[in-house]
Amino acid sequence: MDGHDGDDPKQSTADMTAFVQNLLQQMQSRFQTMSDSIITKIDDMGGRIDELERSINDLRAEMGVEGSPSPSTPKAKDESKPGDDTA
């Protein structure tokens, strides 16, 4: 069948165990590499978001609207009454 018909079953088991251990080590290494890459990208994105927030705040300060709500703050009043421009 596979060339190991009557051969030592202990050797065959040892070969299979070594193969599986090697495969698991390769998978672990690949997952670790992917995880590190994802964490790096998330950290980079966090830095970009912080920079964007600073830029938005600088622009708002230049326009003199420092007291207005942040763009990320939901406006419950506007959402509950669409089309009502009176405040």
PDB file of N, CA and C in Angstrom:
ATOM      1  N   MET A   1       0.821  -1.197   0.000  1.00  0.00           N
ATOM      2  CA  MET A   1       0.000   0.000   0.000  1.00  0.00           C
ATOM      3  C   MET A   1       0.867   1.265   0.000  1.00  0.00           C
ATOM      4  N   ASP A   2       1.443   1.603   1.175  1.00  0.00           N
ATOM      5  CA  ASP A   2       2.244   2.813   1.253  1.00  0.00           C
ATOM      6  C   ASP A   2       3.727   2.508   1.375  1.00  0.00           C
ATOM      7  N   GLY A   3       4.108   1.244   1.202  1.00  0.00           N
ATOM      8  CA  GLY A   3       5.515   0.885   1.268  1.00  0.00           C
ATOM      9  C   GLY A   3       5.972   0.528   2.664  1.00  0.00           C
ATOM     10  N   HIS A   4       5.086   0.612   3.646  1.00  0.00           N
ATOM     11  CA  HIS A   4       5.436   0.315   5.033  1.00  0.00           C
ATOM     12  C   HIS A   4       4.573  -0.825   5.570  1.00  0.00           C
ATOM     13  N   ASP A   5       4.160  -1.757   4.704  1.00  0.00           N
ATOM     14  CA  ASP A   5       3.212  -2.797   5.090  1.00  0.00           C
ATOM     15  C   ASP A   5       3.640  -3.560   6.340  1.00  0.00           C
ATOM     16  N   GLY A   6       4.791  -4.200   6.310  1.00  0.00           N
ATOM     17  CA  GLY A   6       5.205  -5.023   7.424  1.00  0.00           C
ATOM     18  C   GLY A   6       6.329  -4.403   8.216  1.00  0.00           C
ATOM     19  N   ASP A   7       6.669  -3.151   7.946  1.00  0.00           N
ATOM     20  CA  ASP A   7       7.775  -2.486   8.618  1.00  0.00           C
ATOM     21  C   ASP A   7       7.437  -2.256  10.091  1.00  0.00           C
ATOM     22  N   ASP A   8       8.412  -1.762  10.802  1.00  0.00           N
ATOM     23  CA  ASP A   8       8.278  -1.518  12.232  1.00  0.00           C
ATOM     24  C   ASP A   8       7.172  -0.482  12.503  1.00  0.00           C
ATOM     25  N   PRO A   9       6.077  -0.887  13.154  1.00  0.00           N
ATOM     26  CA  PRO A   9       4.994   0.067  13.431  1.00  0.00           C
ATOM     27  C   PRO A   9       5.431   1.181  14.382  1.00  0.00           C
ATOM     28  N   LYS A  10       6.416   0.907  15.249  1.00  0.00           N
ATOM     29  CA  LYS A  10       6.907   1.949  16.157  1.00  0.00           C
ATOM     30  C   LYS A  10       7.608   3.051  15.368  1.00  0.00           C
ATOM     31  N   GLN A  11       8.356   2.657  14.331  1.00  0.00           N
ATOM     32  CA  GLN A  11       9.050   3.642  13.500  1.00  0.00           C
ATOM     33  C   GLN A  11       8.033   4.482  12.733  1.00  0.00           C
ATOM     34  N   SER A  12       7.002   3.819  12.221  1.00  0.00           N
ATOM     35  CA  SER A  12       5.966   4.528  11.484  1.00  0.00           C
ATOM     36  C   SER A  12       5.254   5.538  12.384  1.00  0.00           C
ATOM     37  N   THR A  13       4.967   5.128  13.608  1.00  0.00           N
ATOM     38  CA  THR A  13       4.327   6.028  14.576  1.00  0.00           C
ATOM     39  C   THR A  13       5.254   7.187  14.919  1.00  0.00           C
ATOM     40  N   ALA A  14       6.519   6.900  15.090  1.00  0.00           N
ATOM     41  CA  ALA A  14       7.486   7.956  15.408  1.00  0.00           C
ATOM     42  C   ALA A  14       7.610   8.938  14.248  1.00  0.00           C
ATOM     43  N   ASP A  15       7.622   8.416  13.016  1.00  0.00           N
ATOM     44  CA  ASP A  15       7.688   9.292  11.840  1.00  0.00           C
ATOM     45  C   ASP A  15       6.461  10.197  11.768  1.00  0.00           C
ATOM     46  N   MET A  16       5.294   9.611  12.017  1.00  0.00           N
ATOM     47  CA  MET A  16       4.050  10.388  11.964  1.00  0.00           C
ATOM     48  C   MET A  16       4.042  11.443  13.067  1.00  0.00           C
ATOM     49  N   THR A  17       4.502  11.075  14.246  1.00  0.00           N
ATOM     50  CA  THR A  17       4.553  12.024  15.357  1.00  0.00           C
ATOM     51  C   THR A  17       5.491  13.187  15.030  1.00  0.00           C
ATOM     52  N   ALA A  18       6.646  12.862  14.478  1.00  0.00           N
ATOM     53  CA  ALA A  18       7.602  13.911  14.106  1.00  0.00           C
ATOM     54  C   ALA A  18       7.023  14.810  13.027  1.00  0.00           C
ATOM     55  N   PHE A  19       6.332  14.226  12.059  1.00  0.00           N
ATOM     56  CA  PHE A  19       5.717  15.002  10.984  1.00  0.00           C
ATOM     57  C   PHE A  19       4.666  15.962  11.545  1.00  0.00           C
ATOM     58  N   VAL A  20       3.803  15.436  12.420  1.00  0.00           N
ATOM     59  CA  VAL A  20       2.739  16.264  13.006  1.00  0.00           C
ATOM     60  C   VAL A  20       3.337  17.373  13.867  1.00  0.00           C
ATOM     61  N   GLN A  21       4.359  17.062  14.653  1.00  0.00           N
ATOM     62  CA  GLN A  21       4.993  18.091  15.482  1.00  0.00           C
ATOM     63  C   GLN A  21       5.608  19.186  14.617  1.00  0.00           C
ATOM     64  N   ASN A  22       6.260  18.792  13.536  1.00  0.00           N
ATOM     65  CA  ASN A  22       6.855  19.764  12.617  1.00  0.00           C
ATOM     66  C   ASN A  22       5.775  20.636  11.988  1.00  0.00           C
ATOM     67  N   LEU A  23       4.693  19.999  11.574  1.00  0.00           N
ATOM     68  CA  LEU A  23       3.588  20.741  10.967  1.00  0.00           C
ATOM     69  C   LEU A  23       2.985  21.742  11.945  1.00  0.00           C
ATOM     70  N   LEU A  24       2.801  21.308  13.189  1.00  0.00           N
ATOM     71  CA  LEU A  24       2.251  22.207  14.211  1.00  0.00           C
ATOM     72  C   LEU A  24       3.199  23.369  14.507  1.00  0.00           C
ATOM     73  N   GLN A  25       4.503  23.103  14.511  1.00  0.00           N
ATOM     74  CA  GLN A  25       5.473  24.174  14.727  1.00  0.00           C
ATOM     75  C   GLN A  25       5.429  25.188  13.584  1.00  0.00           C
ATOM     76  N   GLN A  26       5.293  24.698  12.347  1.00  0.00           N
ATOM     77  CA  GLN A  26       5.186  25.610  11.201  1.00  0.00           C
ATOM     78  C   GLN A  26       3.926  26.460  11.293  1.00  0.00           C
ATOM     79  N   MET A  27       2.823  25.823  11.680  1.00  0.00           N
ATOM     80  CA  MET A  27       1.567  26.566  11.817  1.00  0.00           C
ATOM     81  C   MET A  27       1.682  27.616  12.917  1.00  0.00           C
ATOM     82  N   GLN A  28       2.286  27.244  14.043  1.00  0.00           N
ATOM     83  CA  GLN A  28       2.476  28.188  15.143  1.00  0.00           C
ATOM     84  C   GLN A  28       3.296  29.393  14.683  1.00  0.00           C
ATOM     85  N   SER A  29       4.367  29.116  13.932  1.00  0.00           N
ATOM     86  CA  SER A  29       5.226  30.183  13.437  1.00  0.00           C
ATOM     87  C   SER A  29       4.452  31.112  12.494  1.00  0.00           C
ATOM     88  N   ARG A  30       3.680  30.529  11.615  1.00  0.00           N
ATOM     89  CA  ARG A  30       2.896  31.350  10.670  1.00  0.00           C
ATOM     90  C   ARG A  30       1.839  32.175  11.381  1.00  0.00           C
ATOM     91  N   PHE A  31       1.149  31.567  12.348  1.00  0.00           N
ATOM     92  CA  PHE A  31       0.152  32.323  13.101  1.00  0.00           C
ATOM     93  C   PHE A  31       0.800  33.446  13.899  1.00  0.00           C
ATOM     94  N   GLN A  32       1.968  33.200  14.462  1.00  0.00           N
ATOM     95  CA  GLN A  32       2.667  34.239  15.217  1.00  0.00           C
ATOM     96  C   GLN A  32       3.059  35.392  14.298  1.00  0.00           C
ATOM     97  N   THR A  33       3.541  35.062  13.104  1.00  0.00           N
ATOM     98  CA  THR A  33       3.909  36.098  12.129  1.00  0.00           C
ATOM     99  C   THR A  33       2.684  36.921  11.738  1.00  0.00           C
ATOM    100  N   MET A  34       1.575  36.239  11.468  1.00  0.00           N
ATOM    101  CA  MET A  34       0.347  36.942  11.104  1.00  0.00           C
ATOM    102  C   MET A  34      -0.140  37.814  12.258  1.00  0.00           C
ATOM    103  N   SER A  35      -0.084  37.294  13.469  1.00  0.00           N
ATOM    104  CA  SER A  35      -0.514  38.047  14.643  1.00  0.00           C
ATOM    105  C   SER A  35       0.331  39.302  14.831  1.00  0.00           C
ATOM    106  N   ASP A  36       1.643  39.156  14.702  1.00  0.00           N
ATOM    107  CA  ASP A  36       2.534  40.318  14.824  1.00  0.00           C
ATOM    108  C   ASP A  36       2.229  41.362  13.761  1.00  0.00           C
ATOM    109  N   SER A  37       1.965  40.898  12.551  1.00  0.00           N
ATOM    110  CA  SER A  37       1.648  41.807  11.451  1.00  0.00           C
ATOM    111  C   SER A  37       0.348  42.562  11.723  1.00  0.00           C
ATOM    112  N   ILE A  38      -0.652  41.852  12.209  1.00  0.00           N
ATOM    113  CA  ILE A  38      -1.944  42.482  12.503  1.00  0.00           C
ATOM    114  C   ILE A  38      -1.795  43.504  13.621  1.00  0.00           C
ATOM    115  N   ILE A  39      -1.062  43.152  14.665  1.00  0.00           N
ATOM    116  CA  ILE A  39      -0.865  44.082  15.782  1.00  0.00           C
ATOM    117  C   ILE A  39      -0.132  45.333  15.319  1.00  0.00           C
ATOM    118  N   THR A  40       0.880  45.166  14.471  1.00  0.00           N
ATOM    119  CA  THR A  40       1.608  46.318  13.932  1.00  0.00           C
ATOM    120  C   THR A  40       0.675  47.217  13.130  1.00  0.00           C
ATOM    121  N   LYS A  41      -0.165  46.609  12.299  1.00  0.00           N
ATOM    122  CA  LYS A  41      -1.105  47.402  11.494  1.00  0.00           C
ATOM    123  C   LYS A  41      -2.122  48.119  12.369  1.00  0.00           C
ATOM    124  N   ILE A  42      -2.588  47.471  13.423  1.00  0.00           N
ATOM    125  CA  ILE A  42      -3.538  48.109  14.340  1.00  0.00           C
ATOM    126  C   ILE A  42      -2.868  49.288  15.046  1.00  0.00           C
ATOM    127  N   ASP A  43      -1.623  49.105  15.486  1.00  0.00           N
ATOM    128  CA  ASP A  43      -0.891  50.199  16.133  1.00  0.00           C
ATOM    129  C   ASP A  43      -0.707  51.376  15.171  1.00  0.00           C
ATOM    130  N   ASP A  44      -0.346  51.075  13.917  1.00  0.00           N
ATOM    131  CA  ASP A  44      -0.196  52.130  12.904  1.00  0.00           C
ATOM    132  C   ASP A  44      -1.514  52.863  12.692  1.00  0.00           C
ATOM    133  N   MET A  45      -2.606  52.115  12.608  1.00  0.00           N
ATOM    134  CA  MET A  45      -3.913  52.724  12.393  1.00  0.00           C
ATOM    135  C   MET A  45      -4.298  53.598  13.591  1.00  0.00           C
ATOM    136  N   GLY A  46      -3.978  53.150  14.793  1.00  0.00           N
ATOM    137  CA  GLY A  46      -4.251  53.957  15.986  1.00  0.00           C
ATOM    138  C   GLY A  46      -3.499  55.279  15.936  1.00  0.00           C
ATOM    139  N   GLY A  47      -2.246  55.228  15.501  1.00  0.00           N
ATOM    140  CA  GLY A  47      -1.463  56.455  15.366  1.00  0.00           C
ATOM    141  C   GLY A  47      -2.061  57.396  14.328  1.00  0.00           C
ATOM    142  N   ARG A  48      -2.522  56.827  13.227  1.00  0.00           N
ATOM    143  CA  ARG A  48      -3.146  57.643  12.183  1.00  0.00           C
ATOM    144  C   ARG A  48      -4.433  58.281  12.681  1.00  0.00           C
ATOM    145  N   ILE A  49      -5.213  57.523  13.449  1.00  0.00           N
ATOM    146  CA  ILE A  49      -6.460  58.067  13.995  1.00  0.00           C
ATOM    147  C   ILE A  49      -6.156  59.199  14.960  1.00  0.00           C
ATOM    148  N   ASP A  50      -5.141  59.017  15.820  1.00  0.00           N
ATOM    149  CA  ASP A  50      -4.754  60.088  16.747  1.00  0.00           C
ATOM    150  C   ASP A  50      -4.325  61.340  15.993  1.00  0.00           C
ATOM    151  N   GLU A  51      -3.545  61.150  14.925  1.00  0.00           N
ATOM    152  CA  GLU A  51      -3.094  62.287  14.121  1.00  0.00           C
ATOM    153  C   GLU A  51      -4.285  62.977  13.448  1.00  0.00           C
ATOM    154  N   LEU A  52      -5.220  62.192  12.965  1.00  0.00           N
ATOM    155  CA  LEU A  52      -6.422  62.755  12.330  1.00  0.00           C
ATOM    156  C   LEU A  52      -7.240  63.555  13.342  1.00  0.00           C
ATOM    157  N   GLU A  53      -7.389  63.030  14.546  1.00  0.00           N
ATOM    158  CA  GLU A  53      -8.127  63.758  15.584  1.00  0.00           C
ATOM    159  C   GLU A  53      -7.452  65.080  15.908  1.00  0.00           C
ATOM    160  N   ARG A  54      -6.101  65.067  15.994  1.00  0.00           N
ATOM    161  CA  ARG A  54      -5.380  66.318  16.258  1.00  0.00           C
ATOM    162  C   ARG A  54      -5.601  67.319  15.126  1.00  0.00           C
ATOM    163  N   SER A  55      -5.550  66.832  13.896  1.00  0.00           N
ATOM    164  CA  SER A  55      -5.752  67.722  12.750  1.00  0.00           C
ATOM    165  C   SER A  55      -7.157  68.316  12.757  1.00  0.00           C
ATOM    166  N   ILE A  56      -8.135  67.496  13.070  1.00  0.00           N
ATOM    167  CA  ILE A  56      -9.520  67.980  13.129  1.00  0.00           C
ATOM    168  C   ILE A  56      -9.659  69.023  14.221  1.00  0.00           C
ATOM    169  N   ASN A  57      -9.081  68.752  15.383  1.00  0.00           N
ATOM    170  CA  ASN A  57      -9.165  69.726  16.477  1.00  0.00           C
ATOM    171  C   ASN A  57      -8.442  71.015  16.123  1.00  0.00           C
ATOM    172  N   ASP A  58      -7.302  70.923  15.425  1.00  0.00           N
ATOM    173  CA  ASP A  58      -6.589  72.126  14.997  1.00  0.00           C
ATOM    174  C   ASP A  58      -7.440  72.935  14.027  1.00  0.00           C
ATOM    175  N   LEU A  59      -8.068  72.254  13.081  1.00  0.00           N
ATOM    176  CA  LEU A  59      -8.925  72.951  12.117  1.00  0.00           C
ATOM    177  C   LEU A  59     -10.121  73.596  12.806  1.00  0.00           C
ATOM    178  N   ARG A  60     -10.704  72.871  13.751  1.00  0.00           N
ATOM    179  CA  ARG A  60     -11.845  73.435  14.485  1.00  0.00           C
ATOM    180  C   ARG A  60     -11.413  74.671  15.274  1.00  0.00           C
ATOM    181  N   ALA A  61     -10.214  74.612  15.861  1.00  0.00           N
ATOM    182  CA  ALA A  61      -9.717  75.757  16.626  1.00  0.00           C
ATOM    183  C   ALA A  61      -9.482  76.943  15.706  1.00  0.00           C
ATOM    184  N   GLU A  62      -8.948  76.689  14.513  1.00  0.00           N
ATOM    185  CA  GLU A  62      -8.728  77.761  13.545  1.00  0.00           C
ATOM    186  C   GLU A  62     -10.040  78.394  13.110  1.00  0.00           C
ATOM    187  N   MET A  63     -11.080  77.589  13.020  1.00  0.00           N
ATOM    188  CA  MET A  63     -12.384  78.101  12.588  1.00  0.00           C
ATOM    189  C   MET A  63     -13.137  78.757  13.740  1.00  0.00           C
ATOM    190  N   GLY A  64     -12.650  78.591  14.966  1.00  0.00           N
ATOM    191  CA  GLY A  64     -13.297  79.223  16.112  1.00  0.00           C
ATOM    192  C   GLY A  64     -14.523  78.491  16.592  1.00  0.00           C
ATOM    193  N   VAL A  65     -14.583  77.204  16.394  1.00  0.00           N
ATOM    194  CA  VAL A  65     -15.745  76.432  16.834  1.00  0.00           C
ATOM    195  C   VAL A  65     -15.337  75.395  17.882  1.00  0.00           C
ATOM    196  N   GLU A  66     -14.489  75.813  18.791  1.00  0.00           N
ATOM    197  CA  GLU A  66     -13.988  74.890  19.800  1.00  0.00           C
ATOM    198  C   GLU A  66     -15.096  74.362  20.697  1.00  0.00           C
ATOM    199  N   GLY A  67     -16.168  75.112  20.879  1.00  0.00           N
ATOM    200  CA  GLY A  67     -17.256  74.698  21.770  1.00  0.00           C
ATOM    201  C   GLY A  67     -18.230  73.735  21.138  1.00  0.00           C
ATOM    202  N   SER A  68     -18.135  73.502  19.826  1.00  0.00           N
ATOM    203  CA  SER A  68     -19.083  72.600  19.171  1.00  0.00           C
ATOM    204  C   SER A  68     -18.742  71.154  19.490  1.00  0.00           C
ATOM    205  N   PRO A  69     -19.741  70.263  19.410  1.00  0.00           N
ATOM    206  CA  PRO A  69     -19.476  68.858  19.723  1.00  0.00           C
ATOM    207  C   PRO A  69     -18.544  68.215  18.714  1.00  0.00           C
ATOM    208  N   SER A  70     -17.859  67.206  19.165  1.00  0.00           N
ATOM    209  CA  SER A  70     -16.937  66.460  18.312  1.00  0.00           C
ATOM    210  C   SER A  70     -17.713  65.739  17.216  1.00  0.00           C
ATOM    211  N   PRO A  71     -17.118  65.550  16.024  1.00  0.00           N
ATOM    212  CA  PRO A  71     -17.816  64.835  14.951  1.00  0.00           C
ATOM    213  C   PRO A  71     -18.197  63.413  15.334  1.00  0.00           C
ATOM    214  N   SER A  72     -17.490  62.822  16.285  1.00  0.00           N
ATOM    215  CA  SER A  72     -17.800  61.449  16.681  1.00  0.00           C
ATOM    216  C   SER A  72     -18.915  61.397  17.723  1.00  0.00           C
ATOM    217  N   THR A  73     -19.331  62.562  18.258  1.00  0.00           N
ATOM    218  CA  THR A  73     -20.393  62.593  19.251  1.00  0.00           C
ATOM    219  C   THR A  73     -21.748  62.528  18.551  1.00  0.00           C
ATOM    220  N   PRO A  74     -22.575  61.522  18.875  1.00  0.00           N
ATOM    221  CA  PRO A  74     -23.894  61.434  18.233  1.00  0.00           C
ATOM    222  C   PRO A  74     -24.796  62.576  18.687  1.00  0.00           C
ATOM    223  N   LYS A  75     -25.609  63.045  17.781  1.00  0.00           N
ATOM    224  CA  LYS A  75     -26.542  64.125  18.080  1.00  0.00           C
ATOM    225  C   LYS A  75     -27.937  63.531  18.226  1.00  0.00           C
ATOM    226  N   ALA A  76     -28.336  63.222  19.441  1.00  0.00           N
ATOM    227  CA  ALA A  76     -29.615  62.567  19.691  1.00  0.00           C
ATOM    228  C   ALA A  76     -30.778  63.461  19.270  1.00  0.00           C
ATOM    229  N   LYS A  77     -30.659  64.772  19.465  1.00  0.00           N
ATOM    230  CA  LYS A  77     -31.719  65.706  19.121  1.00  0.00           C
ATOM    231  C   LYS A  77     -31.980  65.682  17.616  1.00  0.00           C
ATOM    232  N   ASP A  78     -30.906  65.721  16.808  1.00  0.00           N
ATOM    233  CA  ASP A  78     -31.046  65.736  15.362  1.00  0.00           C
ATOM    234  C   ASP A  78     -31.572  64.403  14.845  1.00  0.00           C
ATOM    235  N   GLU A  79     -31.189  63.308  15.468  1.00  0.00           N
ATOM    236  CA  GLU A  79     -31.614  61.991  15.005  1.00  0.00           C
ATOM    237  C   GLU A  79     -33.079  61.741  15.323  1.00  0.00           C
ATOM    238  N   SER A  80     -33.568  62.288  16.453  1.00  0.00           N
ATOM    239  CA  SER A  80     -34.949  62.038  16.837  1.00  0.00           C
ATOM    240  C   SER A  80     -35.926  62.903  16.053  1.00  0.00           C
ATOM    241  N   LYS A  81     -35.496  64.057  15.549  1.00  0.00           N
ATOM    242  CA  LYS A  81     -36.373  64.952  14.798  1.00  0.00           C
ATOM    243  C   LYS A  81     -35.714  65.325  13.471  1.00  0.00           C
ATOM    244  N   PRO A  82     -35.710  64.423  12.494  1.00  0.00           N
ATOM    245  CA  PRO A  82     -35.090  64.768  11.209  1.00  0.00           C
ATOM    246  C   PRO A  82     -35.866  65.878  10.504  1.00  0.00           C
ATOM    247  N   GLY A  83     -35.137  66.838   9.961  1.00  0.00           N
ATOM    248  CA  GLY A  83     -35.756  67.922   9.222  1.00  0.00           C
ATOM    249  C   GLY A  83     -36.138  69.093  10.082  1.00  0.00           C
ATOM    250  N   ASP A  84     -36.016  68.998  11.392  1.00  0.00           N
ATOM    251  CA  ASP A  84     -36.365  70.093  12.303  1.00  0.00           C
ATOM    252  C   ASP A  84     -35.109  70.892  12.568  1.00  0.00           C
ATOM    253  N   ASP A  85     -35.013  72.100  11.970  1.00  0.00           N
ATOM    254  CA  ASP A  85     -33.815  72.911  12.097  1.00  0.00           C
ATOM    255  C   ASP A  85     -33.848  73.848  13.284  1.00  0.00           C
ATOM    256  N   THR A  86     -34.935  73.937  14.017  1.00  0.00           N
ATOM    257  CA  THR A  86     -34.990  74.830  15.167  1.00  0.00           C
ATOM    258  C   THR A  86     -34.351  74.155  16.362  1.00  0.00           C
ATOM    259  N   ALA A  87     -33.596  74.955  17.104  1.00  0.00           N
ATOM    260  CA  ALA A  87     -32.915  74.373  18.260  1.00  0.00           C
ATOM    261  C   ALA A  87     -33.383  75.001  19.539  1.00  0.00           C
TER     262      ALA A  87
END
